[in-house]
Amino acid sequence: MTQITFQNARGERLTIDVPDGSTVMQAAVSNGVDGIVAECGGSAMCATCHVYVDPKFADRLPAPDAVEDEMLNSTAAERRINSRLSCQLVITEALDGLVFLLPDHQT
């Protein structure tokens, strides 16, 4: 299991254990993380699972592919250099300790 942390816009944190191979979005939804809507269920079609990767951890993730990059232009909250779709981020041991900052709104 890998531990990841979600931090909402108010600074509240939730750290969860996630099985490797699942996505960050699946982990958020199955653990009731408020702020991840995930309307499309993880098919990179809605951008309602938008997160900001804590800049200290950005080098642990692969670059977004073309589909994710395009969808990041459709986020409700501001797109930043550290914006990602959590449905496209697969949990591995290399992500242990990663922190995801939640935007103040998804829709």
N, C-alpha and C. Protein backbone atom coordinates (compact mmCIF):
# COMPACT_ATOMS: atom_id res chain seq x y z
N MET A 1 0.84 -1.18 0.00
CA MET A 1 0.00 0.00 0.00
C MET A 1 0.89 1.25 0.00
N THR A 2 0.36 2.26 -0.64
CA THR A 2 1.05 3.54 -0.75
C THR A 2 0.22 4.60 -0.05
N GLN A 3 0.85 5.47 0.70
CA GLN A 3 0.13 6.55 1.37
C GLN A 3 0.19 7.81 0.52
N ILE A 4 -1.00 8.41 0.31
CA ILE A 4 -1.07 9.71 -0.35
C ILE A 4 -1.95 10.62 0.51
N THR A 5 -1.77 11.91 0.33
CA THR A 5 -2.50 12.89 1.12
C THR A 5 -3.23 13.86 0.20
N PHE A 6 -4.47 14.15 0.56
CA PHE A 6 -5.25 15.18 -0.12
C PHE A 6 -5.39 16.35 0.85
N GLN A 7 -5.18 17.56 0.33
CA GLN A 7 -5.36 18.76 1.14
C GLN A 7 -6.35 19.67 0.45
N ASN A 8 -7.42 20.03 1.15
CA ASN A 8 -8.43 20.90 0.54
C ASN A 8 -8.01 22.36 0.63
N ALA A 9 -8.82 23.22 0.05
CA ALA A 9 -8.51 24.65 -0.03
C ALA A 9 -8.46 25.31 1.35
N ARG A 10 -9.06 24.69 2.36
CA ARG A 10 -9.02 25.22 3.73
C ARG A 10 -7.80 24.73 4.50
N GLY A 11 -6.97 23.88 3.86
CA GLY A 11 -5.76 23.37 4.51
C GLY A 11 -5.96 22.08 5.26
N GLU A 12 -7.19 21.54 5.26
CA GLU A 12 -7.46 20.28 5.95
C GLU A 12 -6.88 19.13 5.13
N ARG A 13 -6.27 18.17 5.82
CA ARG A 13 -5.60 17.06 5.15
C ARG A 13 -6.25 15.73 5.49
N LEU A 14 -6.22 14.83 4.51
CA LEU A 14 -6.66 13.46 4.70
C LEU A 14 -5.61 12.57 4.06
N THR A 15 -4.99 11.72 4.85
CA THR A 15 -3.99 10.77 4.35
C THR A 15 -4.63 9.39 4.31
N ILE A 16 -4.47 8.73 3.17
CA ILE A 16 -5.08 7.41 2.99
C ILE A 16 -4.06 6.42 2.44
N ASP A 17 -4.29 5.14 2.73
CA ASP A 17 -3.52 4.05 2.17
C ASP A 17 -4.23 3.59 0.91
N VAL A 18 -3.47 3.47 -0.17
CA VAL A 18 -4.06 3.15 -1.47
C VAL A 18 -3.33 1.95 -2.07
N PRO A 19 -4.08 0.97 -2.59
CA PRO A 19 -3.41 -0.14 -3.24
C PRO A 19 -2.74 0.29 -4.55
N ASP A 20 -1.54 -0.17 -4.76
CA ASP A 20 -0.84 0.12 -6.01
C ASP A 20 -1.67 -0.40 -7.19
N GLY A 21 -1.65 0.35 -8.28
CA GLY A 21 -2.39 -0.01 -9.48
C GLY A 21 -3.71 0.72 -9.63
N SER A 22 -4.23 1.28 -8.55
CA SER A 22 -5.46 2.07 -8.67
C SER A 22 -5.07 3.50 -9.01
N THR A 23 -6.04 4.30 -9.41
CA THR A 23 -5.74 5.69 -9.73
C THR A 23 -5.98 6.57 -8.50
N VAL A 24 -5.41 7.73 -8.54
CA VAL A 24 -5.62 8.70 -7.47
C VAL A 24 -7.10 9.04 -7.36
N MET A 25 -7.78 9.16 -8.50
CA MET A 25 -9.22 9.46 -8.50
C MET A 25 -10.00 8.33 -7.84
N GLN A 26 -9.70 7.08 -8.17
CA GLN A 26 -10.40 5.96 -7.54
C GLN A 26 -10.19 5.97 -6.04
N ALA A 27 -8.98 6.25 -5.61
CA ALA A 27 -8.68 6.31 -4.19
C ALA A 27 -9.49 7.42 -3.52
N ALA A 28 -9.57 8.58 -4.16
CA ALA A 28 -10.32 9.70 -3.60
C ALA A 28 -11.80 9.36 -3.48
N VAL A 29 -12.37 8.83 -4.54
CA VAL A 29 -13.81 8.52 -4.53
C VAL A 29 -14.12 7.43 -3.51
N SER A 30 -13.33 6.37 -3.47
CA SER A 30 -13.62 5.27 -2.55
C SER A 30 -13.38 5.64 -1.10
N ASN A 31 -12.66 6.73 -0.85
CA ASN A 31 -12.42 7.19 0.52
C ASN A 31 -13.19 8.46 0.85
N GLY A 32 -14.13 8.84 -0.01
CA GLY A 32 -15.01 9.97 0.28
C GLY A 32 -14.31 11.32 0.34
N VAL A 33 -13.27 11.50 -0.47
CA VAL A 33 -12.57 12.78 -0.48
C VAL A 33 -13.48 13.84 -1.10
N ASP A 34 -13.86 14.81 -0.28
CA ASP A 34 -14.71 15.90 -0.75
C ASP A 34 -13.88 16.80 -1.65
N GLY A 35 -14.36 17.04 -2.86
CA GLY A 35 -13.63 17.89 -3.79
C GLY A 35 -13.23 17.17 -5.06
N ILE A 36 -13.40 15.86 -5.10
CA ILE A 36 -13.19 15.09 -6.33
C ILE A 36 -14.55 14.63 -6.79
N VAL A 37 -15.04 15.20 -7.89
CA VAL A 37 -16.38 14.89 -8.39
C VAL A 37 -16.35 13.65 -9.27
N ALA A 38 -15.42 13.59 -10.21
CA ALA A 38 -15.22 12.42 -11.08
C ALA A 38 -16.48 12.04 -11.85
N GLU A 39 -17.10 13.01 -12.49
CA GLU A 39 -18.35 12.78 -13.23
C GLU A 39 -18.24 11.70 -14.30
N CYS A 40 -17.11 11.63 -14.99
CA CYS A 40 -16.98 10.68 -16.11
C CYS A 40 -16.46 9.32 -15.66
N GLY A 41 -16.17 9.16 -14.39
CA GLY A 41 -15.74 7.87 -13.88
C GLY A 41 -14.30 7.50 -14.21
N GLY A 42 -13.53 8.44 -14.68
CA GLY A 42 -12.12 8.16 -14.91
C GLY A 42 -11.70 8.03 -16.35
N SER A 43 -12.50 8.51 -17.27
CA SER A 43 -12.15 8.36 -18.69
C SER A 43 -11.58 9.64 -19.31
N ALA A 44 -11.13 10.56 -18.48
CA ALA A 44 -10.51 11.82 -18.93
C ALA A 44 -11.41 12.60 -19.88
N MET A 45 -12.69 12.69 -19.51
CA MET A 45 -13.66 13.38 -20.37
C MET A 45 -14.35 14.56 -19.68
N CYS A 46 -14.04 14.83 -18.42
CA CYS A 46 -14.80 15.90 -17.75
C CYS A 46 -13.95 16.87 -16.94
N ALA A 47 -12.77 16.51 -16.54
CA ALA A 47 -11.87 17.36 -15.75
C ALA A 47 -12.40 17.69 -14.35
N THR A 48 -13.32 16.88 -13.82
CA THR A 48 -13.85 17.13 -12.48
C THR A 48 -13.09 16.35 -11.40
N CYS A 49 -11.94 15.84 -11.77
CA CYS A 49 -11.06 15.20 -10.78
C CYS A 49 -9.72 15.93 -10.75
N HIS A 50 -9.75 17.17 -11.15
CA HIS A 50 -8.58 18.04 -11.21
C HIS A 50 -7.92 18.17 -9.84
N VAL A 51 -6.61 18.03 -9.80
CA VAL A 51 -5.83 18.25 -8.58
C VAL A 51 -4.59 19.05 -8.94
N TYR A 52 -4.00 19.63 -7.91
CA TYR A 52 -2.70 20.27 -8.03
C TYR A 52 -1.70 19.38 -7.29
N VAL A 53 -0.63 19.01 -7.95
CA VAL A 53 0.40 18.19 -7.32
C VAL A 53 1.31 19.13 -6.52
N ASP A 54 1.52 18.78 -5.27
CA ASP A 54 2.45 19.56 -4.46
C ASP A 54 3.76 19.67 -5.24
N PRO A 55 4.24 20.88 -5.50
CA PRO A 55 5.43 21.06 -6.34
C PRO A 55 6.65 20.26 -5.89
N LYS A 56 6.75 19.97 -4.59
CA LYS A 56 7.88 19.18 -4.09
C LYS A 56 7.89 17.77 -4.66
N PHE A 57 6.73 17.31 -5.17
CA PHE A 57 6.60 15.94 -5.64
C PHE A 57 6.41 15.83 -7.15
N ALA A 58 6.40 16.94 -7.85
CA ALA A 58 6.06 16.94 -9.28
C ALA A 58 6.96 16.03 -10.11
N ASP A 59 8.21 15.89 -9.75
CA ASP A 59 9.13 15.07 -10.54
C ASP A 59 8.88 13.57 -10.40
N ARG A 60 7.98 13.17 -9.51
CA ARG A 60 7.66 11.75 -9.35
C ARG A 60 6.64 11.25 -10.38
N LEU A 61 6.01 12.17 -11.10
CA LEU A 61 4.93 11.80 -12.01
C LEU A 61 5.37 11.90 -13.46
N PRO A 62 4.85 11.01 -14.31
CA PRO A 62 5.11 11.17 -15.74
C PRO A 62 4.37 12.39 -16.27
N ALA A 63 4.82 12.92 -17.37
CA ALA A 63 4.15 14.06 -17.98
C ALA A 63 2.75 13.66 -18.45
N PRO A 64 1.81 14.61 -18.48
CA PRO A 64 0.47 14.28 -19.00
C PRO A 64 0.54 13.93 -20.48
N ASP A 65 -0.32 12.99 -20.89
CA ASP A 65 -0.40 12.68 -22.32
C ASP A 65 -1.25 13.75 -23.00
N ALA A 66 -1.42 13.64 -24.32
CA ALA A 66 -2.13 14.67 -25.10
C ALA A 66 -3.59 14.83 -24.65
N VAL A 67 -4.26 13.73 -24.33
CA VAL A 67 -5.67 13.79 -23.92
C VAL A 67 -5.79 14.53 -22.59
N GLU A 68 -4.96 14.15 -21.62
CA GLU A 68 -5.01 14.82 -20.33
C GLU A 68 -4.67 16.29 -20.48
N ASP A 69 -3.65 16.60 -21.24
CA ASP A 69 -3.25 17.98 -21.45
C ASP A 69 -4.40 18.81 -22.02
N GLU A 70 -5.11 18.25 -22.98
CA GLU A 70 -6.26 18.95 -23.58
C GLU A 70 -7.37 19.16 -22.55
N MET A 71 -7.68 18.13 -21.76
CA MET A 71 -8.75 18.24 -20.76
C MET A 71 -8.39 19.23 -19.66
N LEU A 72 -7.11 19.37 -19.36
CA LEU A 72 -6.70 20.34 -18.34
C LEU A 72 -7.03 21.77 -18.74
N ASN A 73 -7.26 21.99 -20.02
CA ASN A 73 -7.70 23.31 -20.48
C ASN A 73 -9.17 23.57 -20.16
N SER A 74 -9.88 22.54 -19.69
CA SER A 74 -11.31 22.64 -19.41
C SER A 74 -11.63 22.61 -17.92
N THR A 75 -10.65 22.74 -17.08
CA THR A 75 -10.92 22.67 -15.64
C THR A 75 -11.70 23.90 -15.18
N ALA A 76 -12.55 23.70 -14.18
CA ALA A 76 -13.35 24.81 -13.63
C ALA A 76 -12.46 25.77 -12.84
N ALA A 77 -11.53 25.22 -12.08
CA ALA A 77 -10.58 26.05 -11.34
C ALA A 77 -9.37 26.31 -12.23
N GLU A 78 -8.63 27.31 -11.88
CA GLU A 78 -7.46 27.71 -12.67
C GLU A 78 -6.51 26.55 -12.96
N ARG A 79 -6.12 26.42 -14.23
CA ARG A 79 -5.08 25.46 -14.58
C ARG A 79 -3.74 26.07 -14.19
N ARG A 80 -2.93 25.27 -13.52
CA ARG A 80 -1.59 25.69 -13.12
C ARG A 80 -0.56 24.72 -13.70
N ILE A 81 0.69 25.05 -13.56
CA ILE A 81 1.75 24.19 -14.08
C ILE A 81 1.74 22.81 -13.41
N ASN A 82 1.23 22.74 -12.18
CA ASN A 82 1.17 21.48 -11.44
C ASN A 82 -0.21 20.83 -11.48
N SER A 83 -1.07 21.27 -12.40
CA SER A 83 -2.41 20.68 -12.55
C SER A 83 -2.32 19.31 -13.19
N ARG A 84 -3.13 18.40 -12.67
CA ARG A 84 -3.25 17.06 -13.25
C ARG A 84 -4.68 16.57 -13.08
N LEU A 85 -5.06 15.59 -13.88
CA LEU A 85 -6.32 14.87 -13.69
C LEU A 85 -6.00 13.64 -12.86
N SER A 86 -6.64 13.53 -11.72
CA SER A 86 -6.31 12.42 -10.82
C SER A 86 -6.69 11.07 -11.40
N CYS A 87 -7.59 11.04 -12.38
CA CYS A 87 -7.96 9.77 -13.01
C CYS A 87 -6.85 9.21 -13.89
N GLN A 88 -5.88 10.03 -14.22
CA GLN A 88 -4.79 9.61 -15.09
C GLN A 88 -3.51 9.28 -14.33
N LEU A 89 -3.57 9.36 -13.02
CA LEU A 89 -2.39 9.10 -12.19
C LEU A 89 -2.53 7.77 -11.48
N VAL A 90 -1.71 6.81 -11.89
CA VAL A 90 -1.76 5.46 -11.32
C VAL A 90 -0.81 5.39 -10.13
N ILE A 91 -1.32 4.84 -9.04
CA ILE A 91 -0.56 4.72 -7.80
C ILE A 91 0.51 3.64 -7.94
N THR A 92 1.73 4.03 -7.57
CA THR A 92 2.86 3.10 -7.47
C THR A 92 3.60 3.41 -6.18
N GLU A 93 4.49 2.53 -5.78
CA GLU A 93 5.29 2.76 -4.58
C GLU A 93 6.07 4.07 -4.67
N ALA A 94 6.44 4.47 -5.88
CA ALA A 94 7.21 5.70 -6.08
C ALA A 94 6.43 6.94 -5.65
N LEU A 95 5.11 6.82 -5.53
CA LEU A 95 4.27 7.96 -5.14
C LEU A 95 4.02 8.04 -3.64
N ASP A 96 4.62 7.14 -2.88
CA ASP A 96 4.40 7.13 -1.43
C ASP A 96 4.73 8.50 -0.84
N GLY A 97 3.78 9.05 -0.10
CA GLY A 97 3.95 10.34 0.54
C GLY A 97 3.52 11.54 -0.29
N LEU A 98 3.07 11.28 -1.51
CA LEU A 98 2.67 12.37 -2.41
C LEU A 98 1.49 13.15 -1.85
N VAL A 99 1.49 14.46 -2.04
CA VAL A 99 0.42 15.33 -1.57
C VAL A 99 -0.28 15.95 -2.78
N PHE A 100 -1.60 15.87 -2.79
CA PHE A 100 -2.43 16.46 -3.83
C PHE A 100 -3.26 17.57 -3.21
N LEU A 101 -3.17 18.75 -3.78
CA LEU A 101 -3.94 19.90 -3.32
C LEU A 101 -5.21 19.99 -4.15
N LEU A 102 -6.33 20.12 -3.49
CA LEU A 102 -7.62 20.17 -4.18
C LEU A 102 -7.98 21.61 -4.52
N PRO A 103 -8.45 21.84 -5.76
CA PRO A 103 -8.92 23.19 -6.10
C PRO A 103 -10.15 23.54 -5.26
N ASP A 104 -10.48 24.82 -5.20
CA ASP A 104 -11.63 25.24 -4.39
C ASP A 104 -12.97 24.85 -5.01
N HIS A 105 -12.98 24.49 -6.30
CA HIS A 105 -14.21 24.00 -6.93
C HIS A 105 -13.85 23.18 -8.18
N GLN A 106 -14.78 22.29 -8.56
CA GLN A 106 -14.58 21.43 -9.72
C GLN A 106 -15.60 21.72 -10.83
N THR A 107 -16.70 22.32 -10.48
CA THR A 107 -17.73 22.60 -11.47
C THR A 107 -18.14 24.05 -11.40
